[in-house]
Amino acid sequence: MAEILKREKGLAWTAHPRIKASFACPDSYKEKDWYQSETWLGGAWKAMPADLSDLRLGVRVLDLLDDMNTWGQRKCAHGEVDTFELDRSHELYGHMNVNYLHLAKRPTSDDWSPVLDVLRRGDFFVSTGEVLIHSFDAREGKVKAEIEWTFPLAQVVVAAWDGRTLRRAVHRLKDTPEFGRRAFEWPLDVPEARWVRLETWDVAGDGAFTQPLWLP
């Protein structure tokens, strides 16, 4: 499998990690060469198990995303959805997690390599659909993001790792009525951060998150 992925320049990942039949994955094989290879993207995100008592959906994989990027490799968590049997009466859009990729142009049907390149770089964000992250950057001790939302926002979480300690700063959001778009700025209180990522969640439990942005 690893040889085929390498030869075909493909990508693999752990589906529903740390739960169900993958309850011990990818932790159990994180030392394997094929996991540490760039052909292994990371793990897939889904809000499972569902727990609306927490404003952060899918904490299981958000924790994994942080863990993977403290293990020594640059890994990502893209959004997934399970589909088993479909027909024309099924409504998909409202239930699917969406991966927004930063592509220069739409890929052609016979060449999906730009999609794989963007996934490898982590140049994308995941959304339940109601929140969009139009831009995200971290520099000079500040985190900046332009966010668009449907329902009022509740909070932003900024996770950062300095090579030793992982820190998550929670910023409560006020004065964000429904159907808004705004540029935000927060201090980055991790002076020697090696990577930073951002989550944003609304009052209904919907949200979006970026992949870790590795800093020079």
N, C-alpha and C. Protein backbone atom coordinates (compact mmCIF):
# COMPACT_ATOMS: atom_id res chain seq x y z
N MET A 1 0.83 -1.21 0.00
CA MET A 1 0.00 0.00 0.00
C MET A 1 0.86 1.25 0.00
N ALA A 2 1.88 1.28 0.85
CA ALA A 2 2.75 2.45 0.94
C ALA A 2 3.48 2.70 -0.37
N GLU A 3 3.89 1.63 -1.04
CA GLU A 3 4.59 1.76 -2.31
C GLU A 3 3.66 2.31 -3.40
N ILE A 4 2.41 1.84 -3.41
CA ILE A 4 1.44 2.34 -4.39
C ILE A 4 1.17 3.82 -4.16
N LEU A 5 0.99 4.23 -2.91
CA LEU A 5 0.76 5.64 -2.61
C LEU A 5 1.92 6.50 -3.07
N LYS A 6 3.12 6.02 -2.82
CA LYS A 6 4.30 6.78 -3.23
C LYS A 6 4.40 6.88 -4.74
N ARG A 7 4.18 5.75 -5.42
CA ARG A 7 4.31 5.72 -6.87
C ARG A 7 3.25 6.56 -7.55
N GLU A 8 2.03 6.52 -7.02
CA GLU A 8 0.92 7.25 -7.62
C GLU A 8 0.76 8.66 -7.08
N LYS A 9 1.63 9.05 -6.12
CA LYS A 9 1.55 10.37 -5.48
C LYS A 9 0.17 10.58 -4.86
N GLY A 10 -0.30 9.53 -4.20
CA GLY A 10 -1.61 9.57 -3.59
C GLY A 10 -1.57 9.99 -2.13
N LEU A 11 -2.73 9.97 -1.50
CA LEU A 11 -2.87 10.32 -0.09
C LEU A 11 -3.74 9.29 0.62
N ALA A 12 -3.39 8.99 1.86
CA ALA A 12 -4.20 8.14 2.71
C ALA A 12 -4.33 8.81 4.06
N TRP A 13 -5.32 8.34 4.85
CA TRP A 13 -5.52 8.91 6.18
C TRP A 13 -6.30 7.91 7.03
N THR A 14 -6.41 8.24 8.31
CA THR A 14 -7.18 7.41 9.23
C THR A 14 -8.62 7.89 9.24
N ALA A 15 -9.55 7.03 8.86
CA ALA A 15 -10.97 7.38 8.92
C ALA A 15 -11.46 7.23 10.36
N HIS A 16 -12.38 8.11 10.76
CA HIS A 16 -12.90 8.21 12.13
C HIS A 16 -11.88 7.72 13.18
N PRO A 17 -10.76 8.45 13.32
CA PRO A 17 -9.71 8.03 14.26
C PRO A 17 -10.17 8.06 15.71
N ARG A 18 -9.56 7.20 16.52
CA ARG A 18 -9.79 7.12 17.95
C ARG A 18 -11.23 6.78 18.31
N ILE A 19 -11.93 6.13 17.42
CA ILE A 19 -13.31 5.71 17.71
C ILE A 19 -13.64 4.52 16.82
N LYS A 20 -14.70 3.78 17.20
CA LYS A 20 -15.16 2.64 16.42
C LYS A 20 -14.00 1.67 16.17
N ALA A 21 -13.89 1.12 14.97
CA ALA A 21 -12.82 0.15 14.69
C ALA A 21 -11.45 0.81 14.64
N SER A 22 -11.40 2.13 14.56
CA SER A 22 -10.12 2.85 14.53
C SER A 22 -9.79 3.45 15.90
N PHE A 23 -10.30 2.85 16.97
CA PHE A 23 -10.17 3.45 18.30
C PHE A 23 -8.72 3.64 18.73
N ALA A 24 -7.80 2.81 18.23
CA ALA A 24 -6.39 2.91 18.63
C ALA A 24 -5.53 3.56 17.55
N CYS A 25 -6.18 4.16 16.56
CA CYS A 25 -5.44 4.70 15.42
C CYS A 25 -5.63 6.22 15.32
N PRO A 26 -4.63 6.94 14.83
CA PRO A 26 -3.35 6.47 14.32
C PRO A 26 -2.27 6.28 15.40
N ASP A 27 -2.63 6.43 16.66
CA ASP A 27 -1.64 6.36 17.73
C ASP A 27 -0.81 5.08 17.68
N SER A 28 -1.45 3.97 17.35
CA SER A 28 -0.77 2.68 17.40
C SER A 28 0.28 2.52 16.30
N TYR A 29 0.19 3.33 15.24
CA TYR A 29 1.18 3.19 14.17
C TYR A 29 1.89 4.51 13.84
N LYS A 30 1.92 5.42 14.79
CA LYS A 30 2.53 6.72 14.52
C LYS A 30 4.03 6.64 14.29
N GLU A 31 4.67 5.53 14.71
CA GLU A 31 6.11 5.36 14.49
C GLU A 31 6.43 4.68 13.17
N LYS A 32 5.42 4.23 12.46
CA LYS A 32 5.64 3.54 11.20
C LYS A 32 6.11 4.51 10.12
N ASP A 33 6.98 4.02 9.24
CA ASP A 33 7.50 4.87 8.16
C ASP A 33 6.39 5.38 7.27
N TRP A 34 5.40 4.52 6.98
CA TRP A 34 4.35 4.94 6.06
C TRP A 34 3.43 5.99 6.67
N TYR A 35 3.30 5.98 8.01
CA TYR A 35 2.54 7.07 8.64
C TYR A 35 3.32 8.37 8.59
N GLN A 36 4.62 8.30 8.82
CA GLN A 36 5.44 9.50 8.86
C GLN A 36 5.73 10.05 7.46
N SER A 37 5.38 9.30 6.44
CA SER A 37 5.56 9.76 5.07
C SER A 37 4.58 10.87 4.72
N GLU A 38 4.92 11.66 3.71
CA GLU A 38 4.02 12.73 3.27
C GLU A 38 2.79 12.18 2.56
N THR A 39 2.78 10.90 2.25
CA THR A 39 1.59 10.32 1.63
C THR A 39 0.49 10.05 2.65
N TRP A 40 0.81 10.14 3.96
CA TRP A 40 -0.22 9.94 4.99
C TRP A 40 -0.67 11.31 5.48
N LEU A 41 -1.88 11.71 5.09
CA LEU A 41 -2.36 13.06 5.37
C LEU A 41 -2.57 13.30 6.85
N GLY A 42 -3.16 12.33 7.56
CA GLY A 42 -3.44 12.50 8.98
C GLY A 42 -4.69 11.73 9.36
N GLY A 43 -5.71 12.43 9.85
CA GLY A 43 -6.97 11.80 10.24
C GLY A 43 -8.14 12.65 9.80
N ALA A 44 -9.31 12.02 9.65
CA ALA A 44 -10.49 12.73 9.16
C ALA A 44 -11.36 13.20 10.32
N TRP A 45 -11.95 14.40 10.14
CA TRP A 45 -12.76 15.03 11.19
C TRP A 45 -14.24 14.81 10.93
N LYS A 46 -14.94 14.49 11.99
CA LYS A 46 -16.40 14.42 11.97
C LYS A 46 -16.88 14.62 13.39
N ALA A 47 -18.00 15.29 13.57
CA ALA A 47 -18.53 15.56 14.91
C ALA A 47 -19.17 14.31 15.48
N MET A 48 -18.34 13.38 15.81
CA MET A 48 -18.80 12.09 16.31
C MET A 48 -17.85 11.64 17.43
N PRO A 49 -18.36 11.32 18.60
CA PRO A 49 -19.77 11.37 19.01
C PRO A 49 -20.28 12.81 19.14
N ALA A 50 -21.54 13.03 18.88
CA ALA A 50 -22.11 14.36 18.94
C ALA A 50 -22.37 14.76 20.39
N ASP A 51 -21.93 15.96 20.74
CA ASP A 51 -22.11 16.44 22.11
C ASP A 51 -22.33 17.95 22.06
N LEU A 52 -23.58 18.35 21.98
CA LEU A 52 -23.88 19.77 21.85
C LEU A 52 -23.80 20.52 23.18
N SER A 53 -23.38 19.84 24.25
CA SER A 53 -23.10 20.56 25.49
C SER A 53 -21.77 21.27 25.41
N ASP A 54 -20.98 20.95 24.38
CA ASP A 54 -19.69 21.59 24.15
C ASP A 54 -19.79 22.41 22.87
N LEU A 55 -19.39 23.66 22.90
CA LEU A 55 -19.46 24.51 21.71
C LEU A 55 -18.48 24.07 20.63
N ARG A 56 -17.50 23.25 20.99
CA ARG A 56 -16.52 22.77 20.01
C ARG A 56 -16.93 21.37 19.55
N LEU A 57 -17.34 21.27 18.31
CA LEU A 57 -17.72 19.98 17.77
C LEU A 57 -16.49 19.15 17.42
N GLY A 58 -16.64 17.84 17.53
CA GLY A 58 -15.57 16.97 17.07
C GLY A 58 -14.26 17.15 17.80
N VAL A 59 -14.33 17.37 19.10
CA VAL A 59 -13.12 17.60 19.90
C VAL A 59 -12.17 16.40 19.78
N ARG A 60 -12.72 15.22 19.61
CA ARG A 60 -11.91 14.02 19.45
C ARG A 60 -10.82 14.20 18.39
N VAL A 61 -11.19 14.71 17.23
CA VAL A 61 -10.22 14.87 16.15
C VAL A 61 -9.44 16.18 16.26
N LEU A 62 -10.05 17.20 16.86
CA LEU A 62 -9.29 18.43 17.08
C LEU A 62 -8.12 18.16 18.02
N ASP A 63 -8.35 17.35 19.05
CA ASP A 63 -7.25 16.96 19.94
C ASP A 63 -6.21 16.14 19.17
N LEU A 64 -6.68 15.25 18.32
CA LEU A 64 -5.76 14.45 17.51
C LEU A 64 -4.93 15.33 16.59
N LEU A 65 -5.57 16.33 15.98
CA LEU A 65 -4.85 17.23 15.07
C LEU A 65 -3.68 17.88 15.80
N ASP A 66 -3.92 18.34 17.02
CA ASP A 66 -2.83 18.92 17.80
C ASP A 66 -1.78 17.87 18.13
N ASP A 67 -2.23 16.70 18.55
CA ASP A 67 -1.27 15.64 18.92
C ASP A 67 -0.38 15.27 17.73
N MET A 68 -0.98 15.06 16.57
CA MET A 68 -0.19 14.64 15.41
C MET A 68 0.90 15.64 15.08
N ASN A 69 0.59 16.92 15.26
CA ASN A 69 1.58 17.94 14.91
C ASN A 69 2.57 18.22 16.03
N THR A 70 2.45 17.50 17.13
CA THR A 70 3.50 17.54 18.16
C THR A 70 4.31 16.24 18.15
N TRP A 71 3.94 15.29 17.29
CA TRP A 71 4.66 14.02 17.20
C TRP A 71 5.87 14.11 16.29
N GLY A 72 5.96 15.18 15.49
CA GLY A 72 7.14 15.33 14.65
C GLY A 72 6.88 15.49 13.17
N GLN A 73 5.65 15.22 12.73
CA GLN A 73 5.32 15.40 11.31
C GLN A 73 4.21 16.44 11.16
N ARG A 74 4.14 16.98 9.98
CA ARG A 74 3.08 17.93 9.68
C ARG A 74 1.88 17.18 9.12
N LYS A 75 0.81 17.12 9.90
CA LYS A 75 -0.36 16.34 9.52
C LYS A 75 -1.60 17.23 9.54
N CYS A 76 -2.65 16.76 8.85
CA CYS A 76 -3.88 17.54 8.72
C CYS A 76 -5.09 16.69 9.12
N ALA A 77 -6.21 17.37 9.28
CA ALA A 77 -7.49 16.72 9.53
C ALA A 77 -8.52 17.34 8.59
N HIS A 78 -8.93 16.61 7.60
CA HIS A 78 -9.95 17.10 6.68
C HIS A 78 -11.32 16.61 7.13
N GLY A 79 -12.36 17.26 6.64
CA GLY A 79 -13.70 16.86 7.01
C GLY A 79 -14.16 15.64 6.23
N GLU A 80 -14.87 14.75 6.90
CA GLU A 80 -15.38 13.56 6.22
C GLU A 80 -16.88 13.43 6.46
N VAL A 81 -17.50 12.58 5.67
CA VAL A 81 -18.91 12.25 5.86
C VAL A 81 -19.10 10.80 5.45
N ASP A 82 -19.94 10.08 6.17
CA ASP A 82 -20.24 8.69 5.83
C ASP A 82 -21.47 8.63 4.94
N THR A 83 -21.34 7.96 3.81
CA THR A 83 -22.50 7.71 2.95
C THR A 83 -22.52 6.23 2.63
N PHE A 84 -23.65 5.59 2.84
CA PHE A 84 -23.75 4.15 2.66
C PHE A 84 -24.66 3.79 1.49
N GLU A 85 -25.85 4.33 1.48
CA GLU A 85 -26.79 4.05 0.39
C GLU A 85 -27.54 5.33 0.08
N LEU A 86 -27.46 5.77 -1.18
CA LEU A 86 -28.03 7.06 -1.57
C LEU A 86 -29.02 6.88 -2.70
N ASP A 87 -30.02 7.74 -2.73
CA ASP A 87 -30.88 7.83 -3.90
C ASP A 87 -31.24 9.30 -4.11
N ARG A 88 -32.00 9.59 -5.14
CA ARG A 88 -32.26 10.98 -5.55
C ARG A 88 -33.06 11.76 -4.52
N SER A 89 -33.65 11.08 -3.53
CA SER A 89 -34.44 11.79 -2.52
C SER A 89 -33.61 12.28 -1.34
N HIS A 90 -32.35 11.90 -1.27
CA HIS A 90 -31.53 12.25 -0.12
C HIS A 90 -31.03 13.69 -0.21
N GLU A 91 -31.06 14.37 0.91
CA GLU A 91 -30.51 15.72 1.02
C GLU A 91 -29.12 15.60 1.64
N LEU A 92 -28.09 15.97 0.89
CA LEU A 92 -26.71 15.80 1.35
C LEU A 92 -26.10 17.07 1.91
N TYR A 93 -26.36 18.19 1.24
CA TYR A 93 -25.58 19.40 1.55
C TYR A 93 -25.68 19.79 3.02
N GLY A 94 -26.85 19.72 3.59
CA GLY A 94 -27.02 20.17 4.97
C GLY A 94 -26.34 19.30 5.99
N HIS A 95 -25.89 18.11 5.60
CA HIS A 95 -25.32 17.18 6.55
C HIS A 95 -23.84 16.91 6.31
N MET A 96 -23.29 17.44 5.25
CA MET A 96 -21.90 17.13 4.91
C MET A 96 -20.95 18.20 5.43
N ASN A 97 -19.81 17.76 5.94
CA ASN A 97 -18.74 18.69 6.26
C ASN A 97 -18.05 19.09 4.96
N VAL A 98 -17.57 20.31 4.90
CA VAL A 98 -17.04 20.85 3.66
C VAL A 98 -15.57 21.20 3.85
N ASN A 99 -14.75 20.83 2.87
CA ASN A 99 -13.34 21.21 2.84
C ASN A 99 -13.15 22.30 1.79
N TYR A 100 -12.77 23.49 2.22
CA TYR A 100 -12.53 24.61 1.31
C TYR A 100 -11.04 24.68 1.02
N LEU A 101 -10.67 24.39 -0.22
CA LEU A 101 -9.27 24.34 -0.63
C LEU A 101 -8.87 25.63 -1.33
N HIS A 102 -7.65 26.10 -1.03
CA HIS A 102 -7.13 27.31 -1.66
C HIS A 102 -6.49 26.94 -2.99
N LEU A 103 -7.32 26.89 -4.04
CA LEU A 103 -6.87 26.50 -5.37
C LEU A 103 -6.81 27.70 -6.29
N ALA A 104 -5.81 27.70 -7.16
CA ALA A 104 -5.70 28.79 -8.13
C ALA A 104 -6.82 28.71 -9.17
N LYS A 105 -7.24 27.49 -9.50
CA LYS A 105 -8.32 27.30 -10.45
C LYS A 105 -8.94 25.93 -10.20
N ARG A 106 -10.10 25.72 -10.76
CA ARG A 106 -10.80 24.45 -10.58
C ARG A 106 -10.02 23.34 -11.30
N PRO A 107 -9.79 22.22 -10.65
CA PRO A 107 -9.05 21.13 -11.31
C PRO A 107 -9.89 20.50 -12.41
N THR A 108 -9.20 19.91 -13.37
CA THR A 108 -9.89 19.21 -14.44
C THR A 108 -10.19 17.78 -14.01
N SER A 109 -11.11 17.15 -14.71
CA SER A 109 -11.53 15.80 -14.32
C SER A 109 -10.42 14.78 -14.48
N ASP A 110 -9.44 15.06 -15.34
CA ASP A 110 -8.37 14.10 -15.58
C ASP A 110 -7.09 14.43 -14.82
N ASP A 111 -7.12 15.47 -13.97
CA ASP A 111 -5.92 15.82 -13.21
C ASP A 111 -6.32 16.43 -11.87
N TRP A 112 -6.27 15.59 -10.84
CA TRP A 112 -6.62 16.03 -9.50
C TRP A 112 -5.39 16.35 -8.66
N SER A 113 -4.23 16.41 -9.28
CA SER A 113 -3.01 16.66 -8.52
C SER A 113 -3.04 17.99 -7.78
N PRO A 114 -3.65 19.08 -8.31
CA PRO A 114 -3.71 20.32 -7.53
C PRO A 114 -4.46 20.16 -6.21
N VAL A 115 -5.49 19.32 -6.21
CA VAL A 115 -6.24 19.07 -4.98
C VAL A 115 -5.35 18.38 -3.96
N LEU A 116 -4.61 17.36 -4.40
CA LEU A 116 -3.73 16.64 -3.50
C LEU A 116 -2.61 17.53 -2.99
N ASP A 117 -2.09 18.42 -3.84
CA ASP A 117 -1.02 19.33 -3.42
C ASP A 117 -1.50 20.26 -2.32
N VAL A 118 -2.71 20.80 -2.47
CA VAL A 118 -3.26 21.70 -1.46
C VAL A 118 -3.50 20.97 -0.14
N LEU A 119 -4.02 19.75 -0.24
CA LEU A 119 -4.22 18.95 0.97
C LEU A 119 -2.89 18.70 1.68
N ARG A 120 -1.86 18.35 0.93
CA ARG A 120 -0.55 18.10 1.54
C ARG A 120 -0.01 19.34 2.24
N ARG A 121 -0.22 20.50 1.64
CA ARG A 121 0.27 21.74 2.24
C ARG A 121 -0.57 22.17 3.44
N GLY A 122 -1.75 21.61 3.57
CA GLY A 122 -2.64 22.06 4.64
C GLY A 122 -3.24 23.42 4.36
N ASP A 123 -3.33 23.78 3.09
CA ASP A 123 -3.83 25.09 2.70
C ASP A 123 -5.33 25.02 2.47
N PHE A 124 -6.07 24.68 3.53
CA PHE A 124 -7.52 24.55 3.44
C PHE A 124 -8.11 24.65 4.83
N PHE A 125 -9.42 24.85 4.88
CA PHE A 125 -10.11 24.82 6.17
C PHE A 125 -11.34 23.95 6.05
N VAL A 126 -11.80 23.48 7.19
CA VAL A 126 -12.96 22.59 7.26
C VAL A 126 -14.11 23.37 7.89
N SER A 127 -15.31 23.16 7.38
CA SER A 127 -16.48 23.87 7.89
C SER A 127 -17.69 22.95 7.90
N THR A 128 -18.58 23.17 8.86
CA THR A 128 -19.88 22.51 8.82
C THR A 128 -20.80 23.19 7.82
N GLY A 129 -20.37 24.32 7.27
CA GLY A 129 -21.12 25.01 6.23
C GLY A 129 -21.62 26.38 6.61
N GLU A 130 -21.81 26.61 7.91
CA GLU A 130 -22.40 27.87 8.36
C GLU A 130 -21.37 28.94 8.66
N VAL A 131 -20.09 28.56 8.74
CA VAL A 131 -19.00 29.49 9.07
C VAL A 131 -17.91 29.35 8.01
N LEU A 132 -17.40 30.48 7.53
CA LEU A 132 -16.32 30.48 6.54
C LEU A 132 -15.14 31.28 7.09
N ILE A 133 -13.94 30.78 6.84
CA ILE A 133 -12.72 31.48 7.23
C ILE A 133 -12.05 31.96 5.94
N HIS A 134 -12.25 33.23 5.61
CA HIS A 134 -11.76 33.74 4.34
C HIS A 134 -10.26 33.94 4.34
N SER A 135 -9.69 34.22 5.49
CA SER A 135 -8.23 34.37 5.57
C SER A 135 -7.80 34.09 7.00
N PHE A 136 -6.53 33.68 7.13
CA PHE A 136 -5.97 33.39 8.45
C PHE A 136 -4.46 33.56 8.36
N ASP A 137 -3.90 34.27 9.34
CA ASP A 137 -2.45 34.49 9.34
C ASP A 137 -1.99 34.73 10.78
N ALA A 138 -0.73 34.46 11.01
CA ALA A 138 -0.14 34.69 12.33
C ALA A 138 1.27 35.23 12.12
N ARG A 139 1.52 36.43 12.63
CA ARG A 139 2.85 37.03 12.52
C ARG A 139 2.95 38.22 13.47
N GLU A 140 4.17 38.53 13.85
CA GLU A 140 4.45 39.68 14.71
C GLU A 140 3.60 39.66 15.98
N GLY A 141 3.43 38.47 16.55
CA GLY A 141 2.72 38.37 17.81
C GLY A 141 1.22 38.55 17.73
N LYS A 142 0.66 38.42 16.51
CA LYS A 142 -0.78 38.60 16.34
C LYS A 142 -1.36 37.50 15.46
N VAL A 143 -2.60 37.16 15.73
CA VAL A 143 -3.36 36.24 14.89
C VAL A 143 -4.47 37.03 14.22
N LYS A 144 -4.58 36.91 12.91
CA LYS A 144 -5.59 37.65 12.17
C LYS A 144 -6.43 36.68 11.36
N ALA A 145 -7.72 36.96 11.29
CA ALA A 145 -8.62 36.12 10.51
C ALA A 145 -9.81 36.94 10.03
N GLU A 146 -10.25 36.64 8.83
CA GLU A 146 -11.50 37.22 8.33
C GLU A 146 -12.53 36.10 8.29
N ILE A 147 -13.62 36.29 9.03
CA ILE A 147 -14.60 35.23 9.24
C ILE A 147 -15.98 35.70 8.77
N GLU A 148 -16.70 34.78 8.16
CA GLU A 148 -18.09 35.04 7.76
C GLU A 148 -18.97 33.99 8.44
N TRP A 149 -20.14 34.40 8.90
CA TRP A 149 -20.97 33.48 9.66
C TRP A 149 -22.45 33.66 9.35
N THR A 150 -23.24 32.66 9.72
CA THR A 150 -24.68 32.68 9.54
C THR A 150 -25.37 33.01 10.86
N PHE A 151 -25.16 32.18 11.87
CA PHE A 151 -25.68 32.44 13.22
C PHE A 151 -24.64 33.24 14.02
N PRO A 152 -25.05 33.94 15.07
CA PRO A 152 -24.08 34.70 15.87
C PRO A 152 -22.93 33.81 16.35
N LEU A 153 -21.74 34.35 16.33
CA LEU A 153 -20.57 33.60 16.77
C LEU A 153 -20.50 33.55 18.30
N ALA A 154 -19.90 32.49 18.79
CA ALA A 154 -19.76 32.31 20.24
C ALA A 154 -18.31 32.46 20.68
N GLN A 155 -17.38 31.84 19.97
CA GLN A 155 -15.99 31.88 20.42
C GLN A 155 -15.04 31.50 19.31
N VAL A 156 -13.80 31.90 19.53
CA VAL A 156 -12.68 31.49 18.69
C VAL A 156 -11.66 30.82 19.59
N VAL A 157 -11.08 29.73 19.12
CA VAL A 157 -10.01 29.05 19.84
C VAL A 157 -8.75 29.13 18.99
N VAL A 158 -7.67 29.62 19.59
CA VAL A 158 -6.37 29.68 18.92
C VAL A 158 -5.44 28.70 19.62
N ALA A 159 -5.03 27.67 18.90
CA ALA A 159 -4.11 26.68 19.44
C ALA A 159 -2.72 26.96 18.89
N ALA A 160 -1.71 26.88 19.75
CA ALA A 160 -0.33 27.15 19.34
C ALA A 160 0.61 26.22 20.09
N TRP A 161 1.70 25.83 19.42
CA TRP A 161 2.69 24.92 20.00
C TRP A 161 4.07 25.50 19.79
N ASP A 162 4.87 25.54 20.86
CA ASP A 162 6.21 26.12 20.77
C ASP A 162 7.32 25.07 20.77
N GLY A 163 6.95 23.83 20.54
CA GLY A 163 7.93 22.74 20.55
C GLY A 163 7.98 22.01 21.88
N ARG A 164 7.34 22.59 22.88
CA ARG A 164 7.33 21.97 24.21
C ARG A 164 5.90 21.89 24.77
N THR A 165 5.19 23.00 24.68
CA THR A 165 3.87 23.10 25.32
C THR A 165 2.82 23.52 24.31
N LEU A 166 1.67 22.85 24.38
CA LEU A 166 0.53 23.23 23.55
C LEU A 166 -0.38 24.14 24.37
N ARG A 167 -0.75 25.28 23.80
CA ARG A 167 -1.62 26.23 24.49
C ARG A 167 -2.84 26.52 23.61
N ARG A 168 -4.00 26.59 24.27
CA ARG A 168 -5.22 26.96 23.56
C ARG A 168 -5.82 28.19 24.24
N ALA A 169 -5.94 29.27 23.49
CA ALA A 169 -6.54 30.50 24.00
C ALA A 169 -7.97 30.60 23.48
N VAL A 170 -8.93 30.83 24.38
CA VAL A 170 -10.33 30.95 24.01
C VAL A 170 -10.73 32.41 24.05
N HIS A 171 -11.26 32.91 22.94
CA HIS A 171 -11.70 34.30 22.84
C HIS A 171 -13.22 34.31 22.63
N ARG A 172 -13.94 34.80 23.62
CA ARG A 172 -15.40 34.90 23.50
C ARG A 172 -15.74 36.02 22.54
N LEU A 173 -16.72 35.79 21.72
CA LEU A 173 -17.09 36.77 20.71
C LEU A 173 -18.46 37.36 21.04
N LYS A 174 -18.53 38.68 21.03
CA LYS A 174 -19.77 39.40 21.26
C LYS A 174 -20.02 40.34 20.09
N ASP A 175 -21.20 40.86 20.02
CA ASP A 175 -21.55 41.80 18.97
C ASP A 175 -21.28 41.20 17.59
N THR A 176 -21.70 39.96 17.40
CA THR A 176 -21.61 39.32 16.09
C THR A 176 -22.99 38.81 15.71
N PRO A 177 -23.91 39.71 15.37
CA PRO A 177 -25.27 39.29 15.02
C PRO A 177 -25.26 38.42 13.76
N GLU A 178 -26.38 37.81 13.49
CA GLU A 178 -26.46 36.86 12.40
C GLU A 178 -26.08 37.48 11.06
N PHE A 179 -25.60 36.65 10.16
CA PHE A 179 -25.23 37.03 8.80
C PHE A 179 -24.21 38.17 8.79
N GLY A 180 -23.02 37.87 9.31
CA GLY A 180 -21.99 38.89 9.36
C GLY A 180 -20.68 38.43 8.73
N ARG A 181 -19.80 39.39 8.56
CA ARG A 181 -18.44 39.13 8.06
C ARG A 181 -17.54 40.22 8.61
N ARG A 182 -16.40 39.80 9.18
CA ARG A 182 -15.54 40.79 9.83
C ARG A 182 -14.11 40.27 9.91
N ALA A 183 -13.18 41.20 9.94
CA ALA A 183 -11.77 40.88 10.18
C ALA A 183 -11.50 41.01 11.68
N PHE A 184 -10.87 40.00 12.25
CA PHE A 184 -10.56 39.98 13.68
C PHE A 184 -9.05 39.92 13.88
N GLU A 185 -8.65 40.32 15.11
CA GLU A 185 -7.24 40.25 15.47
C GLU A 185 -7.13 39.93 16.96
N TRP A 186 -6.25 38.97 17.28
CA TRP A 186 -6.01 38.59 18.67
C TRP A 186 -4.52 38.49 18.92
N PRO A 187 -4.09 38.69 20.16
CA PRO A 187 -2.66 38.53 20.46
C PRO A 187 -2.27 37.06 20.45
N LEU A 188 -1.07 36.78 19.99
CA LEU A 188 -0.53 35.43 20.04
C LEU A 188 0.43 35.37 21.22
N ASP A 189 -0.03 34.77 22.31
CA ASP A 189 0.74 34.77 23.55
C ASP A 189 1.69 33.58 23.65
N VAL A 190 2.22 33.16 22.53
CA VAL A 190 3.22 32.09 22.49
C VAL A 190 4.38 32.63 21.66
N PRO A 191 5.35 33.29 22.31
CA PRO A 191 6.38 34.02 21.57
C PRO A 191 7.16 33.19 20.57
N GLU A 192 7.43 31.93 20.87
CA GLU A 192 8.23 31.09 19.98
C GLU A 192 7.38 29.99 19.36
N ALA A 193 6.18 30.33 18.98
CA ALA A 193 5.26 29.34 18.41
C ALA A 193 5.84 28.76 17.12
N ARG A 194 5.74 27.45 17.01
CA ARG A 194 6.18 26.77 15.78
C ARG A 194 5.02 26.60 14.81
N TRP A 195 3.83 26.45 15.36
CA TRP A 195 2.64 26.45 14.50
C TRP A 195 1.45 27.00 15.27
N VAL A 196 0.47 27.48 14.51
CA VAL A 196 -0.74 28.07 15.06
C VAL A 196 -1.92 27.60 14.21
N ARG A 197 -3.03 27.32 14.83
CA ARG A 197 -4.25 27.03 14.08
C ARG A 197 -5.43 27.70 14.77
N LEU A 198 -6.55 27.81 14.05
CA LEU A 198 -7.69 28.57 14.55
C LEU A 198 -8.97 27.78 14.36
N GLU A 199 -9.86 27.87 15.36
CA GLU A 199 -11.23 27.34 15.27
C GLU A 199 -12.19 28.49 15.56
N THR A 200 -13.35 28.47 14.95
CA THR A 200 -14.40 29.43 15.30
C THR A 200 -15.74 28.72 15.33
N TRP A 201 -16.54 29.01 16.36
CA TRP A 201 -17.78 28.30 16.60
C TRP A 201 -18.92 29.28 16.85
N ASP A 202 -20.11 28.93 16.36
CA ASP A 202 -21.26 29.82 16.58
C ASP A 202 -22.14 29.30 17.72
N VAL A 203 -23.20 30.04 18.02
CA VAL A 203 -24.04 29.72 19.17
C VAL A 203 -24.85 28.43 18.97
N ALA A 204 -24.94 27.95 17.73
CA ALA A 204 -25.67 26.72 17.45
C ALA A 204 -24.76 25.50 17.39
N GLY A 205 -23.48 25.70 17.66
CA GLY A 205 -22.54 24.60 17.64
C GLY A 205 -21.91 24.33 16.30
N ASP A 206 -22.19 25.18 15.28
CA ASP A 206 -21.56 25.04 13.98
C ASP A 206 -20.20 25.72 14.02
N GLY A 207 -19.33 25.34 13.08
CA GLY A 207 -18.03 25.98 13.12
C GLY A 207 -17.14 25.64 11.95
N ALA A 208 -15.90 26.13 12.06
CA ALA A 208 -14.88 25.90 11.05
C ALA A 208 -13.53 25.93 11.73
N PHE A 209 -12.56 25.27 11.13
CA PHE A 209 -11.21 25.30 11.69
C PHE A 209 -10.17 25.20 10.58
N THR A 210 -9.03 25.81 10.83
CA THR A 210 -7.91 25.75 9.88
C THR A 210 -7.01 24.58 10.22
N GLN A 211 -6.08 24.32 9.34
CA GLN A 211 -5.01 23.38 9.64
C GLN A 211 -3.86 24.15 10.31
N PRO A 212 -2.94 23.46 10.97
CA PRO A 212 -1.82 24.18 11.59
C PRO A 212 -1.02 24.98 10.58
N LEU A 213 -0.78 26.24 10.89
CA LEU A 213 0.04 27.10 10.07
C LEU A 213 1.44 27.11 10.68
N TRP A 214 2.39 26.50 9.99
CA TRP A 214 3.76 26.41 10.51
C TRP A 214 4.48 27.73 10.23
N LEU A 215 5.13 28.24 11.26
CA LEU A 215 5.74 29.55 11.17
C LEU A 215 7.24 29.43 10.90
N PRO A 216 7.80 30.41 10.20
CA PRO A 216 9.24 30.35 9.89
C PRO A 216 10.08 30.56 11.14
